[in-house]
Amino acid sequence: MSRLPLRMAAIVAAASLLLTGCTSDPLAEKYGNGGATNQESNDGAILEIAEENRAAAPEFSGMTDGGIEVSSDDYEGRVVVVNFWYAACGPCRAEAPDLEALHQKYKDEGVSFVGVNTLDQPENALAFARKYGITYPSIMDGETGEVRLAFAGQASPSAVPTTLVLDKEGRVAARFLGQITAPSNLDTIIRELVAEEL
């Protein structure tokens, strides 16, 4: 058999795998193995900000993927985990189940999770949420960038994904730059912020 038919057979086999779907996610696997692109970060750098050094609470608002207007006022008095993401981002896919697990763990303890989608349309964001079992809302920020701008400064979301943790006064207390590869670190920070007095 010549090389051309062998090549064609390989292409057909690969295409059929794509069409029938598979359980693995190549983008998520890529970032699990340390790949990176210019738009995405997987370095996992953590910045914690002592209570006395936290800047004033940013004010933000926007429309969620479910068509509901939300603002920082809706989260007053709560610890808030803000995750900046978009659907085709490999490390965003890889960390999504861990974020949802922590959301479920803390949702009855005064902790809210909210995504900030930096690129997609609502239907793409909702498809992502269905695929990865995400139950918290995402603000659609792709067209305006207003939420990203609100957080620019002391701990800005300079890569995707970035996860910010806000204290009960709405101030940024921690930033995870890139994929959260050790969710126990986020768990610890949430727990400490829940314990802080207002």
N, C-alpha and C. Protein backbone atom coordinates (compact mmCIF):
# COMPACT_ATOMS: atom_id res chain seq x y z
N MET A 1 0.86 -1.18 0.00
CA MET A 1 0.00 0.00 0.00
C MET A 1 0.90 1.24 0.00
N SER A 2 0.57 2.24 -0.79
CA SER A 2 1.40 3.44 -0.88
C SER A 2 1.20 4.32 0.35
N ARG A 3 2.07 5.31 0.50
CA ARG A 3 1.99 6.20 1.65
C ARG A 3 0.73 7.06 1.65
N LEU A 4 0.28 7.46 0.47
CA LEU A 4 -0.89 8.34 0.38
C LEU A 4 -2.13 7.69 0.98
N PRO A 5 -2.49 6.43 0.59
CA PRO A 5 -3.66 5.82 1.21
C PRO A 5 -3.50 5.62 2.71
N LEU A 6 -2.28 5.35 3.18
CA LEU A 6 -2.08 5.22 4.63
C LEU A 6 -2.34 6.54 5.33
N ARG A 7 -1.87 7.61 4.72
CA ARG A 7 -2.11 8.93 5.29
C ARG A 7 -3.60 9.25 5.31
N MET A 8 -4.27 8.93 4.21
CA MET A 8 -5.72 9.18 4.13
C MET A 8 -6.46 8.37 5.19
N ALA A 9 -6.04 7.13 5.39
CA ALA A 9 -6.68 6.29 6.40
C ALA A 9 -6.51 6.88 7.79
N ALA A 10 -5.33 7.41 8.06
CA ALA A 10 -5.08 8.03 9.36
C ALA A 10 -5.95 9.27 9.55
N ILE A 11 -6.09 10.06 8.49
CA ILE A 11 -6.91 11.27 8.57
C ILE A 11 -8.37 10.91 8.80
N VAL A 12 -8.85 9.90 8.08
CA VAL A 12 -10.24 9.46 8.24
C VAL A 12 -10.47 8.95 9.66
N ALA A 13 -9.51 8.19 10.19
CA ALA A 13 -9.66 7.66 11.55
C ALA A 13 -9.70 8.80 12.56
N ALA A 14 -8.84 9.78 12.39
CA ALA A 14 -8.82 10.93 13.31
C ALA A 14 -10.10 11.73 13.22
N ALA A 15 -10.59 11.92 12.00
CA ALA A 15 -11.83 12.67 11.81
C ALA A 15 -13.01 11.94 12.43
N SER A 16 -13.04 10.63 12.30
CA SER A 16 -14.17 9.89 12.86
C SER A 16 -14.15 9.96 14.38
N LEU A 17 -12.95 9.99 14.99
CA LEU A 17 -12.87 10.15 16.44
C LEU A 17 -13.43 11.51 16.86
N LEU A 18 -13.10 12.54 16.10
CA LEU A 18 -13.61 13.87 16.41
C LEU A 18 -15.11 13.93 16.28
N LEU A 19 -15.64 13.30 15.24
CA LEU A 19 -17.08 13.36 15.00
C LEU A 19 -17.87 12.57 16.02
N THR A 20 -17.32 11.45 16.46
CA THR A 20 -18.05 10.64 17.42
C THR A 20 -17.87 11.13 18.84
N GLY A 21 -16.88 12.00 19.07
CA GLY A 21 -16.63 12.54 20.40
C GLY A 21 -15.78 11.60 21.22
N CYS A 22 -15.14 12.16 22.22
CA CYS A 22 -14.33 11.33 23.11
C CYS A 22 -14.39 11.93 24.50
N THR A 23 -13.98 11.15 25.48
CA THR A 23 -14.10 11.62 26.85
C THR A 23 -12.98 12.57 27.24
N SER A 24 -11.85 12.51 26.54
CA SER A 24 -10.76 13.41 26.90
C SER A 24 -10.94 14.76 26.21
N ASP A 25 -10.36 15.77 26.80
CA ASP A 25 -10.41 17.13 26.27
C ASP A 25 -8.99 17.52 25.93
N PRO A 26 -8.64 17.59 24.63
CA PRO A 26 -7.24 17.87 24.26
C PRO A 26 -6.72 19.17 24.83
N LEU A 27 -7.56 20.22 24.88
CA LEU A 27 -7.10 21.48 25.44
C LEU A 27 -6.80 21.35 26.93
N ALA A 28 -7.70 20.69 27.65
CA ALA A 28 -7.47 20.50 29.08
C ALA A 28 -6.24 19.64 29.32
N GLU A 29 -6.07 18.58 28.51
CA GLU A 29 -4.91 17.72 28.67
C GLU A 29 -3.63 18.48 28.39
N LYS A 30 -3.66 19.34 27.37
CA LYS A 30 -2.48 20.14 27.02
C LYS A 30 -2.02 20.93 28.23
N TYR A 31 -2.97 21.56 28.93
CA TYR A 31 -2.59 22.39 30.05
C TYR A 31 -2.28 21.58 31.28
N GLY A 32 -2.80 20.38 31.35
CA GLY A 32 -2.40 19.47 32.42
C GLY A 32 -0.95 19.07 32.26
N ASN A 33 -0.44 19.14 31.03
CA ASN A 33 0.94 18.76 30.75
C ASN A 33 1.86 19.95 30.62
N GLY A 34 1.36 21.16 30.95
CA GLY A 34 2.24 22.32 31.00
C GLY A 34 2.34 23.13 29.73
N GLY A 35 1.42 22.97 28.77
CA GLY A 35 1.48 23.79 27.57
C GLY A 35 1.00 25.20 27.86
N ALA A 36 1.29 26.12 26.96
CA ALA A 36 0.84 27.50 27.15
C ALA A 36 0.77 28.21 25.81
N THR A 37 -0.06 29.25 25.74
CA THR A 37 -0.12 30.10 24.56
C THR A 37 0.03 31.53 25.02
N ASN A 38 0.05 32.46 24.09
CA ASN A 38 0.21 33.87 24.44
C ASN A 38 -0.99 34.41 25.21
N GLN A 39 -2.18 33.87 24.98
CA GLN A 39 -3.38 34.41 25.61
C GLN A 39 -3.70 33.74 26.93
N GLU A 40 -3.08 32.63 27.22
CA GLU A 40 -3.46 31.85 28.38
C GLU A 40 -2.25 31.63 29.27
N SER A 41 -2.49 31.52 30.55
CA SER A 41 -1.41 31.30 31.49
C SER A 41 -1.69 30.07 32.31
N ASN A 42 -0.65 29.31 32.58
CA ASN A 42 -0.83 28.15 33.45
C ASN A 42 0.23 28.12 34.54
N ASP A 43 0.74 29.31 34.91
CA ASP A 43 1.82 29.31 35.88
C ASP A 43 1.36 29.16 37.32
N GLY A 44 0.08 29.40 37.59
CA GLY A 44 -0.47 29.15 38.92
C GLY A 44 0.06 30.06 40.01
N ALA A 45 0.63 31.21 39.68
CA ALA A 45 1.17 32.11 40.69
C ALA A 45 0.06 32.62 41.61
N ILE A 46 0.33 32.62 42.91
CA ILE A 46 -0.66 33.06 43.89
C ILE A 46 -0.16 34.32 44.57
N LEU A 47 -1.01 35.34 44.61
CA LEU A 47 -0.73 36.57 45.33
C LEU A 47 -1.76 36.69 46.45
N GLU A 48 -1.30 36.71 47.69
CA GLU A 48 -2.19 36.95 48.82
C GLU A 48 -1.92 38.35 49.34
N ILE A 49 -2.99 39.07 49.68
CA ILE A 49 -2.87 40.45 50.14
C ILE A 49 -3.35 40.53 51.58
N ALA A 50 -2.46 40.97 52.46
CA ALA A 50 -2.82 41.10 53.87
C ALA A 50 -3.98 42.08 54.02
N GLU A 51 -4.80 41.85 55.03
CA GLU A 51 -6.03 42.64 55.21
C GLU A 51 -5.75 44.14 55.23
N GLU A 52 -4.67 44.54 55.89
CA GLU A 52 -4.37 45.97 56.01
C GLU A 52 -3.86 46.59 54.70
N ASN A 53 -3.49 45.74 53.74
CA ASN A 53 -2.95 46.24 52.46
C ASN A 53 -3.94 46.15 51.30
N ARG A 54 -5.15 45.71 51.56
CA ARG A 54 -6.12 45.55 50.47
C ARG A 54 -6.66 46.89 50.00
N ALA A 55 -6.71 47.05 48.68
CA ALA A 55 -7.21 48.29 48.08
C ALA A 55 -8.73 48.35 48.21
N ALA A 56 -9.28 49.50 47.91
CA ALA A 56 -10.74 49.70 47.97
C ALA A 56 -11.45 48.69 47.07
N ALA A 57 -12.64 48.33 47.47
CA ALA A 57 -13.41 47.34 46.72
C ALA A 57 -13.78 47.87 45.34
N PRO A 58 -13.51 47.10 44.29
CA PRO A 58 -13.93 47.53 42.95
C PRO A 58 -15.44 47.39 42.79
N GLU A 59 -16.02 48.27 42.02
CA GLU A 59 -17.45 48.17 41.71
C GLU A 59 -17.58 47.63 40.30
N PHE A 60 -18.39 46.59 40.15
CA PHE A 60 -18.57 45.97 38.84
C PHE A 60 -20.02 45.60 38.64
N SER A 61 -20.40 45.47 37.38
CA SER A 61 -21.75 45.03 37.05
C SER A 61 -21.75 44.48 35.63
N GLY A 62 -22.78 43.73 35.31
CA GLY A 62 -22.90 43.19 33.97
C GLY A 62 -24.04 42.21 33.86
N MET A 63 -24.29 41.77 32.62
CA MET A 63 -25.35 40.80 32.35
C MET A 63 -24.76 39.40 32.35
N THR A 64 -25.42 38.50 33.05
CA THR A 64 -24.92 37.12 33.10
C THR A 64 -25.32 36.35 31.85
N ASP A 65 -24.73 35.17 31.72
CA ASP A 65 -25.07 34.28 30.62
C ASP A 65 -26.54 33.86 30.65
N GLY A 66 -27.17 33.97 31.81
CA GLY A 66 -28.58 33.66 31.94
C GLY A 66 -29.49 34.87 31.76
N GLY A 67 -28.91 36.03 31.40
CA GLY A 67 -29.70 37.22 31.13
C GLY A 67 -30.12 38.00 32.36
N ILE A 68 -29.38 37.85 33.47
CA ILE A 68 -29.70 38.56 34.71
C ILE A 68 -28.63 39.61 34.96
N GLU A 69 -29.06 40.82 35.29
CA GLU A 69 -28.12 41.90 35.62
C GLU A 69 -27.63 41.70 37.05
N VAL A 70 -26.32 41.69 37.24
CA VAL A 70 -25.75 41.56 38.57
C VAL A 70 -24.73 42.68 38.78
N SER A 71 -24.45 42.96 40.05
CA SER A 71 -23.43 43.96 40.36
C SER A 71 -22.74 43.57 41.66
N SER A 72 -21.68 44.28 41.96
CA SER A 72 -20.94 44.03 43.19
C SER A 72 -21.84 44.20 44.42
N ASP A 73 -22.84 45.05 44.32
CA ASP A 73 -23.77 45.25 45.45
C ASP A 73 -24.51 43.96 45.83
N ASP A 74 -24.73 43.07 44.84
CA ASP A 74 -25.44 41.83 45.10
C ASP A 74 -24.65 40.88 46.00
N TYR A 75 -23.34 41.12 46.14
CA TYR A 75 -22.48 40.22 46.90
C TYR A 75 -22.00 40.83 48.20
N GLU A 76 -22.63 41.90 48.62
CA GLU A 76 -22.22 42.61 49.83
C GLU A 76 -22.21 41.68 51.03
N GLY A 77 -21.10 41.73 51.79
CA GLY A 77 -20.98 40.91 53.00
C GLY A 77 -20.60 39.46 52.76
N ARG A 78 -20.34 39.10 51.52
CA ARG A 78 -19.99 37.72 51.18
C ARG A 78 -18.55 37.63 50.66
N VAL A 79 -17.92 36.49 50.86
CA VAL A 79 -16.67 36.19 50.19
C VAL A 79 -17.04 35.82 48.76
N VAL A 80 -16.32 36.36 47.78
CA VAL A 80 -16.66 36.12 46.37
C VAL A 80 -15.43 35.62 45.62
N VAL A 81 -15.62 34.54 44.89
CA VAL A 81 -14.57 34.01 44.02
C VAL A 81 -14.94 34.40 42.59
N VAL A 82 -14.08 35.19 41.95
CA VAL A 82 -14.35 35.71 40.60
C VAL A 82 -13.36 35.05 39.65
N ASN A 83 -13.88 34.25 38.72
CA ASN A 83 -13.02 33.52 37.78
C ASN A 83 -13.17 34.07 36.37
N PHE A 84 -12.06 34.56 35.81
CA PHE A 84 -12.03 35.08 34.44
C PHE A 84 -11.68 33.94 33.50
N TRP A 85 -12.52 33.72 32.47
CA TRP A 85 -12.36 32.54 31.64
C TRP A 85 -12.99 32.76 30.27
N TYR A 86 -12.77 31.80 29.35
CA TYR A 86 -13.55 31.69 28.12
C TYR A 86 -13.55 30.22 27.68
N ALA A 87 -14.50 29.87 26.84
CA ALA A 87 -14.80 28.46 26.60
C ALA A 87 -13.68 27.67 25.94
N ALA A 88 -12.92 28.27 25.04
CA ALA A 88 -11.89 27.52 24.32
C ALA A 88 -10.56 27.48 25.07
N CYS A 89 -10.52 28.03 26.26
CA CYS A 89 -9.30 28.11 27.07
C CYS A 89 -9.06 26.78 27.77
N GLY A 90 -7.97 26.12 27.40
CA GLY A 90 -7.66 24.80 27.97
C GLY A 90 -7.54 24.77 29.48
N PRO A 91 -6.76 25.68 30.09
CA PRO A 91 -6.67 25.64 31.55
C PRO A 91 -7.98 26.00 32.24
N CYS A 92 -8.83 26.78 31.56
CA CYS A 92 -10.16 27.08 32.11
C CYS A 92 -10.99 25.80 32.20
N ARG A 93 -10.89 24.99 31.16
CA ARG A 93 -11.60 23.71 31.16
C ARG A 93 -11.06 22.79 32.24
N ALA A 94 -9.75 22.77 32.39
CA ALA A 94 -9.12 21.86 33.34
C ALA A 94 -9.49 22.21 34.79
N GLU A 95 -9.63 23.50 35.11
CA GLU A 95 -9.90 23.88 36.50
C GLU A 95 -11.40 23.96 36.82
N ALA A 96 -12.25 23.93 35.79
CA ALA A 96 -13.69 24.13 36.00
C ALA A 96 -14.30 23.16 37.03
N PRO A 97 -14.01 21.86 36.97
CA PRO A 97 -14.62 20.96 37.97
C PRO A 97 -14.19 21.28 39.40
N ASP A 98 -12.95 21.72 39.59
CA ASP A 98 -12.48 22.07 40.93
C ASP A 98 -13.19 23.31 41.45
N LEU A 99 -13.39 24.30 40.58
CA LEU A 99 -14.11 25.50 40.99
C LEU A 99 -15.55 25.17 41.38
N GLU A 100 -16.20 24.33 40.59
CA GLU A 100 -17.58 23.95 40.91
C GLU A 100 -17.64 23.19 42.22
N ALA A 101 -16.67 22.32 42.47
CA ALA A 101 -16.65 21.55 43.72
C ALA A 101 -16.53 22.49 44.93
N LEU A 102 -15.69 23.50 44.81
CA LEU A 102 -15.55 24.46 45.91
C LEU A 102 -16.80 25.34 46.04
N HIS A 103 -17.42 25.66 44.92
CA HIS A 103 -18.69 26.40 44.97
C HIS A 103 -19.72 25.60 45.76
N GLN A 104 -19.83 24.33 45.48
CA GLN A 104 -20.80 23.48 46.20
C GLN A 104 -20.45 23.38 47.68
N LYS A 105 -19.16 23.30 47.98
CA LYS A 105 -18.72 23.16 49.36
C LYS A 105 -19.07 24.39 50.20
N TYR A 106 -18.95 25.59 49.61
CA TYR A 106 -19.07 26.82 50.38
C TYR A 106 -20.32 27.64 50.12
N LYS A 107 -21.20 27.19 49.24
CA LYS A 107 -22.33 28.04 48.85
C LYS A 107 -23.28 28.35 50.01
N ASP A 108 -23.29 27.51 51.03
CA ASP A 108 -24.16 27.75 52.19
C ASP A 108 -23.41 28.41 53.34
N GLU A 109 -22.18 28.87 53.08
CA GLU A 109 -21.36 29.47 54.14
C GLU A 109 -21.01 30.93 53.83
N GLY A 110 -21.85 31.59 53.04
CA GLY A 110 -21.62 32.99 52.75
C GLY A 110 -20.57 33.23 51.68
N VAL A 111 -20.42 32.29 50.76
CA VAL A 111 -19.44 32.41 49.68
C VAL A 111 -20.17 32.31 48.34
N SER A 112 -19.87 33.24 47.45
CA SER A 112 -20.44 33.21 46.10
C SER A 112 -19.34 33.03 45.07
N PHE A 113 -19.65 32.35 44.01
CA PHE A 113 -18.76 32.23 42.86
C PHE A 113 -19.43 32.93 41.68
N VAL A 114 -18.64 33.65 40.91
CA VAL A 114 -19.15 34.25 39.68
C VAL A 114 -18.04 34.19 38.63
N GLY A 115 -18.39 33.77 37.43
CA GLY A 115 -17.45 33.78 36.33
C GLY A 115 -17.51 35.11 35.61
N VAL A 116 -16.42 35.43 34.91
CA VAL A 116 -16.41 36.59 34.02
C VAL A 116 -15.90 36.06 32.69
N ASN A 117 -16.81 35.92 31.73
CA ASN A 117 -16.43 35.39 30.43
C ASN A 117 -15.86 36.53 29.59
N THR A 118 -14.62 36.37 29.15
CA THR A 118 -13.90 37.45 28.49
C THR A 118 -13.99 37.44 26.97
N LEU A 119 -14.72 36.48 26.40
CA LEU A 119 -14.68 36.35 24.94
C LEU A 119 -15.98 35.92 24.29
N ASP A 120 -16.71 35.00 24.91
CA ASP A 120 -17.79 34.29 24.24
C ASP A 120 -19.13 35.02 24.25
N GLN A 121 -20.06 34.46 23.48
CA GLN A 121 -21.46 34.87 23.54
C GLN A 121 -22.16 33.99 24.58
N PRO A 122 -23.32 34.42 25.10
CA PRO A 122 -23.99 33.66 26.15
C PRO A 122 -24.23 32.20 25.83
N GLU A 123 -24.61 31.88 24.57
CA GLU A 123 -24.89 30.48 24.25
C GLU A 123 -23.65 29.60 24.40
N ASN A 124 -22.46 30.15 24.08
CA ASN A 124 -21.22 29.39 24.27
C ASN A 124 -20.90 29.20 25.74
N ALA A 125 -21.13 30.25 26.52
CA ALA A 125 -20.89 30.16 27.96
C ALA A 125 -21.81 29.15 28.61
N LEU A 126 -23.08 29.15 28.20
CA LEU A 126 -24.04 28.19 28.77
C LEU A 126 -23.72 26.77 28.35
N ALA A 127 -23.24 26.58 27.12
CA ALA A 127 -22.84 25.24 26.67
C ALA A 127 -21.67 24.74 27.50
N PHE A 128 -20.72 25.62 27.80
CA PHE A 128 -19.58 25.27 28.65
C PHE A 128 -20.08 24.86 30.04
N ALA A 129 -20.99 25.66 30.59
CA ALA A 129 -21.53 25.37 31.92
C ALA A 129 -22.21 24.02 31.96
N ARG A 130 -22.97 23.70 30.91
CA ARG A 130 -23.63 22.38 30.86
C ARG A 130 -22.61 21.26 30.78
N LYS A 131 -21.61 21.42 29.94
CA LYS A 131 -20.61 20.37 29.73
C LYS A 131 -19.82 20.09 31.00
N TYR A 132 -19.46 21.15 31.74
CA TYR A 132 -18.60 20.97 32.91
C TYR A 132 -19.37 21.04 34.23
N GLY A 133 -20.69 21.11 34.16
CA GLY A 133 -21.50 21.08 35.37
C GLY A 133 -21.40 22.32 36.24
N ILE A 134 -21.13 23.48 35.62
CA ILE A 134 -20.99 24.72 36.37
C ILE A 134 -22.38 25.29 36.69
N THR A 135 -22.63 25.54 37.96
CA THR A 135 -23.97 26.01 38.36
C THR A 135 -23.99 27.49 38.76
N TYR A 136 -22.83 28.13 38.87
CA TYR A 136 -22.82 29.56 39.20
C TYR A 136 -22.82 30.39 37.91
N PRO A 137 -23.27 31.64 37.97
CA PRO A 137 -23.40 32.45 36.75
C PRO A 137 -22.07 33.02 36.28
N SER A 138 -22.05 33.44 35.03
CA SER A 138 -20.91 34.16 34.48
C SER A 138 -21.38 35.47 33.86
N ILE A 139 -20.67 36.54 34.18
CA ILE A 139 -20.94 37.84 33.56
C ILE A 139 -20.30 37.83 32.18
N MET A 140 -21.06 38.26 31.18
CA MET A 140 -20.55 38.30 29.81
C MET A 140 -19.82 39.63 29.60
N ASP A 141 -18.48 39.56 29.52
CA ASP A 141 -17.65 40.77 29.49
C ASP A 141 -16.85 40.91 28.20
N GLY A 142 -17.14 40.04 27.22
CA GLY A 142 -16.34 40.02 26.00
C GLY A 142 -16.44 41.28 25.17
N GLU A 143 -17.59 41.88 25.12
CA GLU A 143 -17.78 43.05 24.25
C GLU A 143 -17.33 44.36 24.90
N THR A 144 -17.50 44.49 26.21
CA THR A 144 -17.19 45.77 26.84
C THR A 144 -15.88 45.77 27.62
N GLY A 145 -15.54 44.65 28.23
CA GLY A 145 -14.34 44.60 29.07
C GLY A 145 -14.47 45.41 30.35
N GLU A 146 -15.68 45.81 30.70
CA GLU A 146 -15.88 46.70 31.85
C GLU A 146 -15.54 46.02 33.18
N VAL A 147 -15.84 44.73 33.29
CA VAL A 147 -15.53 44.05 34.55
C VAL A 147 -14.03 43.90 34.71
N ARG A 148 -13.34 43.53 33.62
CA ARG A 148 -11.88 43.44 33.68
C ARG A 148 -11.28 44.79 34.07
N LEU A 149 -11.81 45.85 33.50
CA LEU A 149 -11.31 47.20 33.79
C LEU A 149 -11.54 47.56 35.26
N ALA A 150 -12.68 47.14 35.81
CA ALA A 150 -12.98 47.43 37.21
C ALA A 150 -11.95 46.81 38.15
N PHE A 151 -11.37 45.68 37.75
CA PHE A 151 -10.39 45.00 38.59
C PHE A 151 -8.95 45.36 38.24
N ALA A 152 -8.74 46.24 37.27
CA ALA A 152 -7.38 46.63 36.90
C ALA A 152 -6.74 47.36 38.07
N GLY A 153 -5.47 47.08 38.32
CA GLY A 153 -4.79 47.76 39.41
C GLY A 153 -4.01 46.80 40.27
N GLN A 154 -4.34 46.78 41.55
CA GLN A 154 -3.55 46.04 42.53
C GLN A 154 -3.39 44.56 42.20
N ALA A 155 -4.43 43.93 41.75
CA ALA A 155 -4.37 42.49 41.44
C ALA A 155 -5.19 42.23 40.19
N SER A 156 -4.79 42.85 39.09
CA SER A 156 -5.59 42.77 37.87
C SER A 156 -5.54 41.39 37.25
N PRO A 157 -6.62 41.02 36.54
CA PRO A 157 -6.67 39.72 35.85
C PRO A 157 -5.89 39.81 34.54
N SER A 158 -4.57 39.63 34.61
CA SER A 158 -3.71 39.88 33.45
C SER A 158 -3.50 38.65 32.57
N ALA A 159 -4.13 37.55 32.89
CA ALA A 159 -4.05 36.33 32.06
C ALA A 159 -5.38 35.62 32.16
N VAL A 160 -5.59 34.67 31.28
CA VAL A 160 -6.80 33.85 31.33
C VAL A 160 -6.34 32.40 31.44
N PRO A 161 -6.79 31.68 32.47
CA PRO A 161 -7.69 32.14 33.53
C PRO A 161 -6.95 32.92 34.61
N THR A 162 -7.71 33.74 35.29
CA THR A 162 -7.29 34.37 36.53
C THR A 162 -8.46 34.23 37.50
N THR A 163 -8.16 33.93 38.75
CA THR A 163 -9.20 33.83 39.77
C THR A 163 -8.86 34.78 40.90
N LEU A 164 -9.80 35.68 41.19
CA LEU A 164 -9.66 36.63 42.29
C LEU A 164 -10.58 36.21 43.42
N VAL A 165 -10.12 36.39 44.64
CA VAL A 165 -10.96 36.10 45.80
C VAL A 165 -11.16 37.41 46.56
N LEU A 166 -12.41 37.79 46.72
CA LEU A 166 -12.77 39.04 47.39
C LEU A 166 -13.18 38.75 48.82
N ASP A 167 -12.76 39.62 49.74
CA ASP A 167 -13.17 39.46 51.13
C ASP A 167 -14.60 39.97 51.31
N LYS A 168 -15.09 39.93 52.53
CA LYS A 168 -16.49 40.30 52.80
C LYS A 168 -16.77 41.78 52.54
N GLU A 169 -15.71 42.59 52.42
CA GLU A 169 -15.89 44.00 52.10
C GLU A 169 -15.72 44.25 50.59
N GLY A 170 -15.57 43.17 49.82
CA GLY A 170 -15.46 43.30 48.37
C GLY A 170 -14.07 43.61 47.87
N ARG A 171 -13.07 43.59 48.76
CA ARG A 171 -11.70 43.91 48.38
C ARG A 171 -10.98 42.65 47.90
N VAL A 172 -10.08 42.82 46.93
CA VAL A 172 -9.31 41.67 46.44
C VAL A 172 -8.34 41.24 47.53
N ALA A 173 -8.48 39.98 47.96
CA ALA A 173 -7.63 39.42 49.01
C ALA A 173 -6.61 38.43 48.46
N ALA A 174 -6.89 37.88 47.28
CA ALA A 174 -5.97 36.91 46.68
C ALA A 174 -6.20 36.85 45.18
N ARG A 175 -5.12 36.52 44.46
CA ARG A 175 -5.21 36.33 43.01
C ARG A 175 -4.45 35.06 42.64
N PHE A 176 -5.12 34.22 41.86
CA PHE A 176 -4.49 33.05 41.25
C PHE A 176 -4.32 33.37 39.77
N LEU A 177 -3.09 33.51 39.35
CA LEU A 177 -2.80 33.85 37.96
C LEU A 177 -2.54 32.57 37.19
N GLY A 178 -3.41 32.24 36.26
CA GLY A 178 -3.30 30.99 35.52
C GLY A 178 -4.15 29.91 36.16
N GLN A 179 -4.02 28.71 35.66
CA GLN A 179 -4.83 27.58 36.12
C GLN A 179 -4.56 27.27 37.58
N ILE A 180 -5.64 27.02 38.31
CA ILE A 180 -5.51 26.59 39.70
C ILE A 180 -5.24 25.09 39.68
N THR A 181 -3.99 24.72 39.91
CA THR A 181 -3.61 23.30 39.85
C THR A 181 -3.70 22.64 41.22
N ALA A 182 -3.75 23.44 42.28
CA ALA A 182 -3.89 22.90 43.64
C ALA A 182 -5.09 23.57 44.29
N PRO A 183 -6.30 23.02 44.06
CA PRO A 183 -7.50 23.64 44.60
C PRO A 183 -7.49 23.77 46.12
N SER A 184 -6.67 22.98 46.80
CA SER A 184 -6.58 23.09 48.26
C SER A 184 -6.09 24.48 48.67
N ASN A 185 -5.27 25.13 47.83
CA ASN A 185 -4.81 26.49 48.14
C ASN A 185 -5.98 27.47 48.12
N LEU A 186 -6.84 27.36 47.11
CA LEU A 186 -8.02 28.21 47.04
C LEU A 186 -8.96 27.90 48.20
N ASP A 187 -9.11 26.63 48.52
CA ASP A 187 -9.95 26.19 49.63
C ASP A 187 -9.49 26.87 50.93
N THR A 188 -8.19 26.86 51.17
CA THR A 188 -7.64 27.46 52.39
C THR A 188 -7.92 28.96 52.46
N ILE A 189 -7.72 29.64 51.35
CA ILE A 189 -7.95 31.09 51.32
C ILE A 189 -9.42 31.41 51.56
N ILE A 190 -10.30 30.67 50.92
CA ILE A 190 -11.75 30.88 51.14
C ILE A 190 -12.08 30.69 52.62
N ARG A 191 -11.59 29.61 53.19
CA ARG A 191 -11.88 29.32 54.59
C ARG A 191 -11.38 30.43 55.51
N GLU A 192 -10.19 30.95 55.23
CA GLU A 192 -9.64 32.03 56.08
C GLU A 192 -10.47 33.31 55.92
N LEU A 193 -10.92 33.61 54.72
CA LEU A 193 -11.71 34.82 54.50
C LEU A 193 -13.10 34.70 55.11
N VAL A 194 -13.68 33.52 55.10
CA VAL A 194 -14.97 33.30 55.76
C VAL A 194 -14.84 33.58 57.25
N ALA A 195 -13.68 33.24 57.81
CA ALA A 195 -13.47 33.41 59.25
C ALA A 195 -13.17 34.85 59.64
N GLU A 196 -12.79 35.70 58.68
CA GLU A 196 -12.50 37.11 58.99
C GLU A 196 -13.75 37.83 59.46
N GLU A 197 -13.57 38.70 60.44
CA GLU A 197 -14.68 39.52 60.93
C GLU A 197 -14.85 40.74 60.04
N LEU A 198 -16.08 41.16 59.84
CA LEU A 198 -16.34 42.40 59.07
C LEU A 198 -15.99 43.61 59.90
